[in-house]
C-alpha cells in the first residue's frame, strides 16, 4: 500500500510553495530599510534649534518664572530632538505666560472632631498659555491658551514644593506632546 507522499524541501513542489514566502519576506525587509528616525520628529525638517524664553507671570508666585524656565530649558530641546539656541539664532521659539497658580484639596475626609475636615491630598494647579513659533516661516507650530496641569502631594508627608515640581514636569510633557501632535 502506498502512503501519501510528503513534500520535502528537495521536491520541486515544495520549492514552488516557498518562493512566494521568500519574495514577501525580502520585500518586507527592503521596505523596513527605508524606515528611519529623524531628529526633531514631529516638527518641520528645517527646525533644528530651539530657544526657550522666560514665561511672563500673572501670579503672585514670582519663583514660578525661574522654575518653569529652568525645567523647559533643561528638558524641552532634548525631548523634541533639538539643539538649544539663543532667541536670535533659533529656528523655533517657545514662549508663554503663567496665568494662574492655585492650591486645592481634592481628597479629604471627616476629621476627628465634629464638623472638622482632614485634608489627605492637596493639588497644585498651574494654568499657562504657550506658543511654539517657527521663526523661519513665521508660523505658529503649536499653541495652547489654557494648558492646565496638576501636581499632587500628600498633605501629611509632602510639601507644596513636591506638587509644584510634579506640575512643572507635567507641563513640560504636555508641551512636548502638543508640539509633536500637529506634525
N, C-alpha and C. Protein backbone atom coordinates (compact mmCIF):
# COMPACT_ATOMS: atom_id res chain seq x y z
N UNK A 1 0.82 -1.16 0.00
CA UNK A 1 0.00 0.00 0.00
C UNK A 1 0.88 1.24 0.00
N UNK A 2 0.44 2.15 -0.73
CA UNK A 2 1.22 3.35 -0.89
C UNK A 2 0.71 4.44 0.05
N UNK A 3 1.62 5.10 0.77
CA UNK A 3 1.22 6.19 1.68
C UNK A 3 1.37 7.50 0.94
N UNK A 4 0.55 8.49 1.34
CA UNK A 4 0.66 9.79 0.67
C UNK A 4 2.07 10.36 0.88
N UNK A 5 2.59 10.89 -0.17
CA UNK A 5 3.95 11.43 -0.06
C UNK A 5 3.91 12.81 0.60
N UNK A 6 4.91 13.07 1.36
CA UNK A 6 5.05 14.38 2.00
C UNK A 6 5.94 15.25 1.12
N UNK A 7 5.67 16.53 1.23
CA UNK A 7 6.53 17.46 0.50
C UNK A 7 7.79 17.67 1.32
N UNK A 8 8.87 17.54 0.70
CA UNK A 8 10.14 17.81 1.37
C UNK A 8 10.80 18.98 0.67
N UNK A 9 11.76 19.53 1.31
CA UNK A 9 12.39 20.71 0.76
C UNK A 9 13.08 20.41 -0.56
N UNK A 10 13.35 19.17 -0.83
CA UNK A 10 14.02 18.82 -2.06
C UNK A 10 13.08 18.66 -3.24
N UNK A 11 11.81 18.53 -3.01
CA UNK A 11 10.88 18.30 -4.12
C UNK A 11 10.57 19.61 -4.82
N UNK A 12 10.31 19.57 -6.11
CA UNK A 12 10.02 20.79 -6.85
C UNK A 12 8.77 21.50 -6.33
N UNK A 13 7.77 20.73 -5.91
CA UNK A 13 6.53 21.34 -5.45
C UNK A 13 6.74 22.14 -4.16
N UNK A 14 7.56 21.69 -3.25
CA UNK A 14 7.84 22.40 -2.01
C UNK A 14 8.58 23.70 -2.28
N UNK A 15 9.53 23.66 -3.24
CA UNK A 15 10.26 24.89 -3.60
C UNK A 15 9.31 25.92 -4.20
N UNK A 16 8.34 25.48 -4.97
CA UNK A 16 7.38 26.40 -5.58
C UNK A 16 6.51 27.08 -4.51
N UNK A 17 6.16 26.36 -3.46
CA UNK A 17 5.33 26.94 -2.40
C UNK A 17 6.11 27.94 -1.54
N UNK A 18 7.40 27.72 -1.38
CA UNK A 18 8.15 28.60 -0.51
C UNK A 18 8.64 29.87 -1.23
N UNK A 19 8.63 29.88 -2.55
CA UNK A 19 9.11 31.03 -3.30
C UNK A 19 8.29 32.30 -3.00
N UNK A 20 6.94 32.26 -2.99
CA UNK A 20 6.20 33.49 -2.66
C UNK A 20 6.51 33.99 -1.24
N UNK A 21 6.71 33.07 -0.32
CA UNK A 21 7.02 33.48 1.05
C UNK A 21 8.38 34.18 1.11
N UNK A 22 9.36 33.68 0.33
CA UNK A 22 10.67 34.32 0.29
C UNK A 22 10.59 35.70 -0.35
N UNK A 23 9.81 35.82 -1.42
CA UNK A 23 9.66 37.12 -2.08
C UNK A 23 9.00 38.11 -1.13
N UNK A 24 7.98 37.65 -0.42
CA UNK A 24 7.28 38.51 0.54
C UNK A 24 8.22 38.95 1.66
N UNK A 25 9.01 38.04 2.19
CA UNK A 25 9.95 38.35 3.26
C UNK A 25 11.02 39.33 2.78
N UNK A 26 11.51 39.14 1.58
CA UNK A 26 12.53 40.03 1.03
C UNK A 26 11.96 41.44 0.82
N UNK A 27 10.72 41.51 0.33
CA UNK A 27 10.07 42.80 0.13
C UNK A 27 9.88 43.53 1.45
N UNK A 28 9.45 42.81 2.47
CA UNK A 28 9.26 43.42 3.79
C UNK A 28 10.59 43.91 4.35
N UNK A 29 11.65 43.14 4.14
CA UNK A 29 12.97 43.52 4.63
C UNK A 29 13.46 44.79 3.94
N UNK A 30 13.28 44.87 2.63
CA UNK A 30 13.71 46.06 1.90
C UNK A 30 12.90 47.28 2.31
N UNK A 31 11.60 47.10 2.52
CA UNK A 31 10.76 48.23 2.94
C UNK A 31 11.18 48.72 4.32
N UNK A 32 11.57 47.82 5.19
CA UNK A 32 12.00 48.19 6.53
C UNK A 32 13.29 48.99 6.50
N UNK A 33 14.12 48.77 5.51
CA UNK A 33 15.37 49.51 5.40
C UNK A 33 15.14 50.98 5.09
N UNK A 34 14.04 51.32 4.46
CA UNK A 34 13.74 52.71 4.15
C UNK A 34 13.23 53.48 5.36
N UNK A 35 12.82 52.81 6.40
CA UNK A 35 12.28 53.46 7.58
C UNK A 35 13.43 53.95 8.44
N UNK A 36 13.31 55.20 8.92
CA UNK A 36 14.35 55.71 9.81
C UNK A 36 13.75 56.74 10.76
N UNK A 37 14.44 56.97 11.86
CA UNK A 37 14.06 58.00 12.80
C UNK A 37 14.81 59.26 12.42
N UNK A 38 14.19 60.40 12.70
CA UNK A 38 14.92 61.63 12.45
C UNK A 38 14.83 62.51 13.69
N UNK A 39 15.84 63.29 13.85
CA UNK A 39 15.88 64.22 14.98
C UNK A 39 14.75 65.23 14.85
N UNK A 40 14.08 65.53 15.96
CA UNK A 40 13.02 66.50 15.93
C UNK A 40 11.74 65.97 15.31
N UNK A 41 11.55 64.66 15.36
CA UNK A 41 10.34 64.07 14.78
C UNK A 41 9.12 64.79 15.32
N UNK A 42 8.20 65.09 14.44
CA UNK A 42 7.01 65.80 14.86
C UNK A 42 7.06 67.27 14.51
N UNK A 43 8.21 67.79 14.16
CA UNK A 43 8.36 69.19 13.78
C UNK A 43 8.85 69.26 12.34
N UNK A 44 8.69 70.39 11.67
CA UNK A 44 9.20 70.51 10.30
C UNK A 44 10.71 70.23 10.25
N UNK A 45 11.14 69.73 9.13
CA UNK A 45 12.54 69.31 8.97
C UNK A 45 13.54 70.44 9.20
N UNK A 46 13.19 71.67 8.84
CA UNK A 46 14.14 72.77 8.96
C UNK A 46 14.30 73.26 10.41
N UNK A 47 13.45 72.82 11.31
CA UNK A 47 13.55 73.23 12.72
C UNK A 47 14.54 72.31 13.41
N UNK A 48 15.71 72.87 13.72
CA UNK A 48 16.77 72.08 14.35
C UNK A 48 17.22 72.67 15.70
N UNK A 49 16.90 73.94 15.93
CA UNK A 49 17.32 74.59 17.18
C UNK A 49 16.11 75.24 17.83
N UNK A 50 16.18 75.37 19.16
CA UNK A 50 15.05 75.88 19.93
C UNK A 50 15.53 76.85 21.01
N UNK A 51 14.84 77.97 21.12
CA UNK A 51 15.06 78.91 22.22
C UNK A 51 13.84 78.85 23.13
N UNK A 52 14.08 78.85 24.42
CA UNK A 52 13.00 78.88 25.41
C UNK A 52 13.10 80.21 26.13
N UNK A 53 12.09 81.04 25.96
CA UNK A 53 12.07 82.35 26.61
C UNK A 53 11.43 82.22 28.00
N UNK A 54 11.87 83.05 28.95
CA UNK A 54 11.20 83.04 30.26
C UNK A 54 9.73 83.42 30.09
N UNK A 55 8.85 82.68 30.74
CA UNK A 55 7.42 82.95 30.64
C UNK A 55 7.07 84.18 31.46
N UNK A 56 6.13 84.96 30.96
CA UNK A 56 5.57 86.04 31.76
C UNK A 56 4.80 85.39 32.90
N UNK A 57 4.59 86.13 33.97
CA UNK A 57 3.98 85.55 35.14
C UNK A 57 2.88 86.47 35.68
N UNK A 58 1.63 86.02 35.55
CA UNK A 58 0.49 86.80 36.04
C UNK A 58 0.11 86.43 37.48
N UNK A 59 0.92 85.62 38.14
CA UNK A 59 0.60 85.19 39.51
C UNK A 59 1.44 85.98 40.50
N UNK A 60 1.16 85.77 41.77
CA UNK A 60 1.98 86.40 42.80
C UNK A 60 3.09 85.45 43.27
N UNK A 61 3.28 84.35 42.57
CA UNK A 61 4.33 83.37 42.88
C UNK A 61 5.51 83.62 41.94
N UNK A 62 6.36 84.55 42.31
CA UNK A 62 7.43 85.01 41.41
C UNK A 62 8.47 83.94 41.11
N UNK A 63 8.64 82.97 42.01
CA UNK A 63 9.60 81.90 41.77
C UNK A 63 9.21 81.00 40.60
N UNK A 64 7.95 81.02 40.21
CA UNK A 64 7.49 80.17 39.11
C UNK A 64 8.18 80.50 37.79
N UNK A 65 8.44 81.77 37.54
CA UNK A 65 9.09 82.16 36.29
C UNK A 65 10.40 81.40 36.12
N UNK A 66 11.23 81.42 37.13
CA UNK A 66 12.53 80.75 37.07
C UNK A 66 12.37 79.23 37.05
N UNK A 67 11.50 78.68 37.88
CA UNK A 67 11.34 77.23 37.95
C UNK A 67 10.83 76.65 36.63
N UNK A 68 9.83 77.31 36.03
CA UNK A 68 9.30 76.84 34.74
C UNK A 68 10.37 76.98 33.66
N UNK A 69 11.05 78.12 33.63
CA UNK A 69 12.07 78.35 32.60
C UNK A 69 13.20 77.32 32.70
N UNK A 70 13.70 77.09 33.90
CA UNK A 70 14.79 76.12 34.07
C UNK A 70 14.38 74.72 33.63
N UNK A 71 13.17 74.30 33.98
CA UNK A 71 12.70 72.96 33.58
C UNK A 71 12.56 72.86 32.07
N UNK A 72 12.02 73.90 31.44
CA UNK A 72 11.85 73.88 29.98
C UNK A 72 13.20 73.89 29.27
N UNK A 73 14.13 74.73 29.72
CA UNK A 73 15.45 74.80 29.09
C UNK A 73 16.18 73.47 29.24
N UNK A 74 16.05 72.85 30.39
CA UNK A 74 16.75 71.59 30.67
C UNK A 74 16.16 70.41 29.90
N UNK A 75 14.85 70.37 29.72
CA UNK A 75 14.22 69.17 29.18
C UNK A 75 13.64 69.29 27.78
N UNK A 76 13.11 70.44 27.42
CA UNK A 76 12.36 70.57 26.17
C UNK A 76 13.19 70.34 24.90
N UNK A 77 14.33 70.99 24.72
CA UNK A 77 15.08 70.75 23.48
C UNK A 77 15.43 69.27 23.29
N UNK A 78 15.90 68.63 24.34
CA UNK A 78 16.28 67.22 24.24
C UNK A 78 15.07 66.35 23.93
N UNK A 79 13.94 66.62 24.58
CA UNK A 79 12.73 65.81 24.36
C UNK A 79 12.21 65.97 22.93
N UNK A 80 12.44 67.12 22.32
CA UNK A 80 12.00 67.34 20.94
C UNK A 80 13.08 67.00 19.92
N UNK A 81 14.27 66.60 20.39
CA UNK A 81 15.36 66.25 19.48
C UNK A 81 15.99 67.48 18.85
N UNK A 82 15.98 68.60 19.56
CA UNK A 82 16.51 69.85 19.03
C UNK A 82 17.71 70.31 19.85
N UNK A 83 18.44 71.26 19.30
CA UNK A 83 19.60 71.83 19.98
C UNK A 83 19.20 73.17 20.60
N UNK A 84 19.56 73.41 21.85
CA UNK A 84 19.25 74.71 22.46
C UNK A 84 19.99 75.84 21.74
N UNK A 85 19.34 76.98 21.65
CA UNK A 85 19.96 78.14 21.00
C UNK A 85 19.40 79.42 21.61
N UNK A 86 20.07 80.52 21.34
CA UNK A 86 19.57 81.83 21.75
C UNK A 86 18.40 82.22 20.86
N UNK A 87 17.63 83.19 21.30
CA UNK A 87 16.43 83.59 20.58
C UNK A 87 16.71 84.00 19.13
N UNK A 88 17.75 84.79 18.91
CA UNK A 88 18.04 85.30 17.56
C UNK A 88 18.54 84.21 16.61
N UNK A 89 19.19 83.19 17.14
CA UNK A 89 19.75 82.14 16.30
C UNK A 89 18.84 80.92 16.16
N UNK A 90 17.80 80.83 16.94
CA UNK A 90 16.95 79.63 16.98
C UNK A 90 16.00 79.54 15.79
N UNK A 91 15.74 78.32 15.35
CA UNK A 91 14.75 78.06 14.30
C UNK A 91 13.33 78.17 14.86
N UNK A 92 13.17 77.81 16.13
CA UNK A 92 11.86 77.87 16.78
C UNK A 92 12.02 78.47 18.17
N UNK A 93 10.95 79.11 18.65
CA UNK A 93 10.97 79.76 19.96
C UNK A 93 9.73 79.35 20.74
N UNK A 94 9.93 78.98 22.01
CA UNK A 94 8.82 78.70 22.91
C UNK A 94 8.68 79.89 23.86
N UNK A 95 7.46 80.40 23.96
CA UNK A 95 7.19 81.50 24.89
C UNK A 95 5.83 81.26 25.53
N UNK A 96 5.55 82.00 26.58
CA UNK A 96 4.26 81.80 27.22
C UNK A 96 4.04 82.71 28.41
N UNK A 97 2.90 82.49 29.04
CA UNK A 97 2.51 83.24 30.22
C UNK A 97 1.93 82.28 31.25
N UNK A 98 2.39 82.41 32.48
CA UNK A 98 1.80 81.64 33.58
C UNK A 98 0.57 82.42 34.01
N UNK A 99 -0.60 81.86 33.76
CA UNK A 99 -1.86 82.57 34.01
C UNK A 99 -2.33 82.44 35.46
N UNK A 100 -2.21 81.23 36.02
CA UNK A 100 -2.67 81.06 37.41
C UNK A 100 -1.94 79.93 38.09
N UNK A 101 -1.93 80.03 39.41
CA UNK A 101 -1.34 79.02 40.29
C UNK A 101 -2.27 78.91 41.48
N UNK A 102 -2.86 77.74 41.66
CA UNK A 102 -3.82 77.55 42.74
C UNK A 102 -3.53 76.28 43.51
N UNK A 103 -3.92 76.30 44.78
CA UNK A 103 -3.86 75.11 45.61
C UNK A 103 -5.29 74.66 45.89
N UNK A 104 -5.52 73.36 45.84
CA UNK A 104 -6.83 72.83 46.18
C UNK A 104 -6.65 71.55 46.99
N UNK A 105 -7.74 71.09 47.56
CA UNK A 105 -7.73 69.86 48.37
C UNK A 105 -8.77 68.90 47.80
N UNK A 106 -8.40 68.12 46.78
CA UNK A 106 -9.38 67.23 46.15
C UNK A 106 -9.72 65.98 46.96
N UNK A 107 -8.89 65.65 47.95
CA UNK A 107 -9.12 64.44 48.73
C UNK A 107 -9.07 64.77 50.22
N UNK A 108 -10.21 64.60 50.88
CA UNK A 108 -10.29 64.89 52.30
C UNK A 108 -11.32 63.96 52.94
N UNK A 109 -11.31 63.92 54.24
CA UNK A 109 -12.27 63.09 54.98
C UNK A 109 -12.74 63.86 56.22
N UNK A 110 -13.74 63.31 56.85
CA UNK A 110 -14.24 63.94 58.07
C UNK A 110 -13.18 63.81 59.15
N UNK A 111 -12.97 64.90 59.87
CA UNK A 111 -11.95 64.92 60.91
C UNK A 111 -12.42 64.25 62.19
N UNK A 112 -11.55 64.22 63.17
CA UNK A 112 -11.84 63.60 64.46
C UNK A 112 -12.92 64.37 65.22
N UNK A 113 -12.91 65.67 65.12
CA UNK A 113 -13.90 66.49 65.83
C UNK A 113 -15.08 66.76 64.90
N UNK A 114 -16.23 66.91 65.49
CA UNK A 114 -17.44 67.15 64.71
C UNK A 114 -17.30 68.44 63.89
N UNK A 115 -17.62 68.33 62.62
CA UNK A 115 -17.56 69.49 61.73
C UNK A 115 -16.17 69.79 61.19
N UNK A 116 -15.17 69.03 61.59
CA UNK A 116 -13.82 69.29 61.07
C UNK A 116 -13.53 68.41 59.86
N UNK A 117 -12.56 68.83 59.10
CA UNK A 117 -12.17 68.12 57.88
C UNK A 117 -10.68 67.84 57.95
N UNK A 118 -10.30 66.64 57.54
CA UNK A 118 -8.89 66.27 57.46
C UNK A 118 -8.50 66.17 55.99
N UNK A 119 -7.58 67.02 55.57
CA UNK A 119 -7.10 67.01 54.19
C UNK A 119 -6.10 65.87 54.04
N UNK A 120 -6.35 65.00 53.05
CA UNK A 120 -5.46 63.88 52.80
C UNK A 120 -4.50 64.17 51.65
N UNK A 121 -5.01 64.86 50.65
CA UNK A 121 -4.19 65.14 49.47
C UNK A 121 -4.46 66.57 49.00
N UNK A 122 -3.42 67.23 48.58
CA UNK A 122 -3.55 68.58 48.02
C UNK A 122 -3.08 68.55 46.57
N UNK A 123 -3.41 69.62 45.88
CA UNK A 123 -3.12 69.68 44.46
C UNK A 123 -2.65 71.09 44.09
N UNK A 124 -1.57 71.16 43.32
CA UNK A 124 -1.11 72.40 42.74
C UNK A 124 -1.65 72.44 41.32
N UNK A 125 -2.39 73.48 40.99
CA UNK A 125 -2.97 73.62 39.65
C UNK A 125 -2.30 74.81 38.98
N UNK A 126 -1.66 74.52 37.86
CA UNK A 126 -0.93 75.52 37.11
C UNK A 126 -1.59 75.67 35.74
N UNK A 127 -1.94 76.90 35.37
CA UNK A 127 -2.54 77.17 34.06
C UNK A 127 -1.62 78.12 33.31
N UNK A 128 -1.22 77.71 32.10
CA UNK A 128 -0.30 78.54 31.31
C UNK A 128 -0.82 78.69 29.88
N UNK A 129 -0.32 79.72 29.25
CA UNK A 129 -0.54 79.95 27.82
C UNK A 129 0.82 79.72 27.17
N UNK A 130 0.86 78.90 26.11
CA UNK A 130 2.13 78.52 25.49
C UNK A 130 2.04 78.68 23.98
N UNK A 131 3.16 79.08 23.38
CA UNK A 131 3.23 79.19 21.93
C UNK A 131 4.59 78.69 21.46
N UNK A 132 4.58 77.89 20.39
CA UNK A 132 5.80 77.42 19.74
C UNK A 132 5.80 78.01 18.34
N UNK A 133 6.75 78.90 18.09
CA UNK A 133 6.81 79.66 16.84
C UNK A 133 7.96 79.20 15.97
N UNK A 134 7.66 78.92 14.70
CA UNK A 134 8.67 78.64 13.69
C UNK A 134 9.14 79.99 13.17
N UNK A 135 10.35 80.38 13.49
CA UNK A 135 10.85 81.70 13.11
C UNK A 135 11.09 81.83 11.62
N UNK A 136 11.54 80.76 10.97
CA UNK A 136 11.83 80.84 9.54
C UNK A 136 10.57 81.07 8.72
N UNK A 137 9.50 80.39 9.08
CA UNK A 137 8.23 80.50 8.34
C UNK A 137 7.29 81.53 8.97
N UNK A 138 7.67 82.08 10.11
CA UNK A 138 6.81 82.97 10.88
C UNK A 138 5.42 82.35 11.06
N UNK A 139 5.44 81.11 11.54
CA UNK A 139 4.23 80.30 11.65
C UNK A 139 4.15 79.72 13.06
N UNK A 140 2.98 79.79 13.66
CA UNK A 140 2.79 79.17 14.97
C UNK A 140 2.65 77.67 14.75
N UNK A 141 3.60 76.90 15.27
CA UNK A 141 3.57 75.45 15.12
C UNK A 141 2.57 74.81 16.07
N UNK A 142 2.46 75.39 17.26
CA UNK A 142 1.52 74.88 18.26
C UNK A 142 1.29 75.96 19.29
N UNK A 143 0.05 76.07 19.73
CA UNK A 143 -0.23 76.97 20.84
C UNK A 143 -1.39 76.42 21.66
N UNK A 144 -1.41 76.83 22.89
CA UNK A 144 -2.46 76.41 23.81
C UNK A 144 -2.72 77.59 24.74
N UNK A 145 -3.94 78.09 24.73
CA UNK A 145 -4.23 79.29 25.52
C UNK A 145 -4.54 79.00 26.98
N UNK A 146 -4.88 77.77 27.30
CA UNK A 146 -5.16 77.46 28.71
C UNK A 146 -4.75 76.02 29.03
N UNK A 147 -3.47 75.80 28.99
CA UNK A 147 -2.91 74.49 29.32
C UNK A 147 -2.92 74.34 30.84
N UNK A 148 -3.64 73.32 31.32
CA UNK A 148 -3.83 73.13 32.76
C UNK A 148 -3.16 71.83 33.19
N UNK A 149 -2.29 71.92 34.18
CA UNK A 149 -1.63 70.74 34.73
C UNK A 149 -1.80 70.73 36.24
N UNK A 150 -1.76 69.53 36.83
CA UNK A 150 -1.97 69.36 38.26
C UNK A 150 -0.87 68.50 38.85
N UNK A 151 -0.26 68.99 39.89
CA UNK A 151 0.71 68.22 40.65
C UNK A 151 0.12 67.92 42.02
N UNK A 152 0.17 66.68 42.43
CA UNK A 152 -0.46 66.30 43.69
C UNK A 152 0.59 65.95 44.74
N UNK A 153 0.20 66.16 45.99
CA UNK A 153 1.08 65.78 47.10
C UNK A 153 0.23 65.42 48.32
N UNK A 154 0.78 64.54 49.14
CA UNK A 154 0.10 64.11 50.36
C UNK A 154 0.31 65.16 51.43
N UNK A 155 -0.77 65.60 52.02
CA UNK A 155 -0.69 66.70 52.99
C UNK A 155 0.12 66.32 54.22
N UNK A 156 0.05 65.06 54.63
CA UNK A 156 0.70 64.65 55.87
C UNK A 156 2.21 64.47 55.73
N UNK A 157 2.69 64.10 54.54
CA UNK A 157 4.10 63.73 54.42
C UNK A 157 4.89 64.51 53.38
N UNK A 158 4.22 65.31 52.55
CA UNK A 158 4.92 66.02 51.48
C UNK A 158 4.60 67.51 51.56
N UNK A 159 5.34 68.29 50.80
CA UNK A 159 5.13 69.74 50.81
C UNK A 159 4.58 70.22 49.47
N UNK A 160 4.20 71.46 49.47
CA UNK A 160 3.70 72.09 48.25
C UNK A 160 4.76 72.04 47.14
N UNK A 161 6.02 72.11 47.52
CA UNK A 161 7.11 72.03 46.52
C UNK A 161 7.01 70.74 45.71
N UNK A 162 6.66 69.64 46.36
CA UNK A 162 6.51 68.36 45.67
C UNK A 162 5.44 68.46 44.59
N UNK A 163 4.32 69.03 44.92
CA UNK A 163 3.24 69.20 43.95
C UNK A 163 3.61 70.15 42.83
N UNK A 164 4.34 71.22 43.16
CA UNK A 164 4.74 72.20 42.14
C UNK A 164 5.73 71.58 41.16
N UNK A 165 6.69 70.81 41.67
CA UNK A 165 7.66 70.14 40.79
C UNK A 165 6.94 69.17 39.86
N UNK A 166 5.98 68.43 40.39
CA UNK A 166 5.22 67.50 39.55
C UNK A 166 4.41 68.24 38.49
N UNK A 167 3.80 69.35 38.86
CA UNK A 167 3.02 70.14 37.90
C UNK A 167 3.91 70.67 36.78
N UNK A 168 5.10 71.13 37.12
CA UNK A 168 6.02 71.66 36.11
C UNK A 168 6.51 70.54 35.19
N UNK A 169 6.78 69.37 35.75
CA UNK A 169 7.18 68.22 34.91
C UNK A 169 6.06 67.85 33.94
N UNK A 170 4.83 67.87 34.42
CA UNK A 170 3.69 67.58 33.54
C UNK A 170 3.52 68.67 32.48
N UNK A 171 3.82 69.90 32.83
CA UNK A 171 3.76 70.99 31.87
C UNK A 171 4.74 70.75 30.72
N UNK A 172 5.96 70.39 31.06
CA UNK A 172 6.97 70.10 30.04
C UNK A 172 6.47 68.99 29.12
N UNK A 173 5.93 67.92 29.69
CA UNK A 173 5.45 66.79 28.89
C UNK A 173 4.29 67.19 27.99
N UNK A 174 3.39 68.02 28.50
CA UNK A 174 2.25 68.49 27.68
C UNK A 174 2.73 69.33 26.51
N UNK A 175 3.75 70.14 26.72
CA UNK A 175 4.30 70.95 25.63
C UNK A 175 4.96 70.06 24.59
N UNK A 176 5.70 69.06 25.03
CA UNK A 176 6.32 68.11 24.10
C UNK A 176 5.23 67.41 23.29
N UNK A 177 4.22 66.88 23.97
CA UNK A 177 3.13 66.17 23.27
C UNK A 177 2.42 67.09 22.29
N UNK A 178 2.16 68.32 22.71
CA UNK A 178 1.48 69.26 21.83
C UNK A 178 2.32 69.63 20.62
N UNK A 179 3.59 69.87 20.83
CA UNK A 179 4.48 70.24 19.73
C UNK A 179 4.57 69.14 18.69
N UNK A 180 4.51 67.90 19.12
CA UNK A 180 4.63 66.78 18.19
C UNK A 180 3.29 66.35 17.60
N UNK A 181 2.20 66.87 18.12
CA UNK A 181 0.88 66.39 17.69
C UNK A 181 0.45 66.89 16.32
N UNK A 182 0.87 68.06 15.92
CA UNK A 182 0.40 68.64 14.67
C UNK A 182 1.24 68.29 13.46
N UNK A 183 2.38 67.68 13.66
CA UNK A 183 3.26 67.42 12.53
C UNK A 183 3.48 65.98 12.44
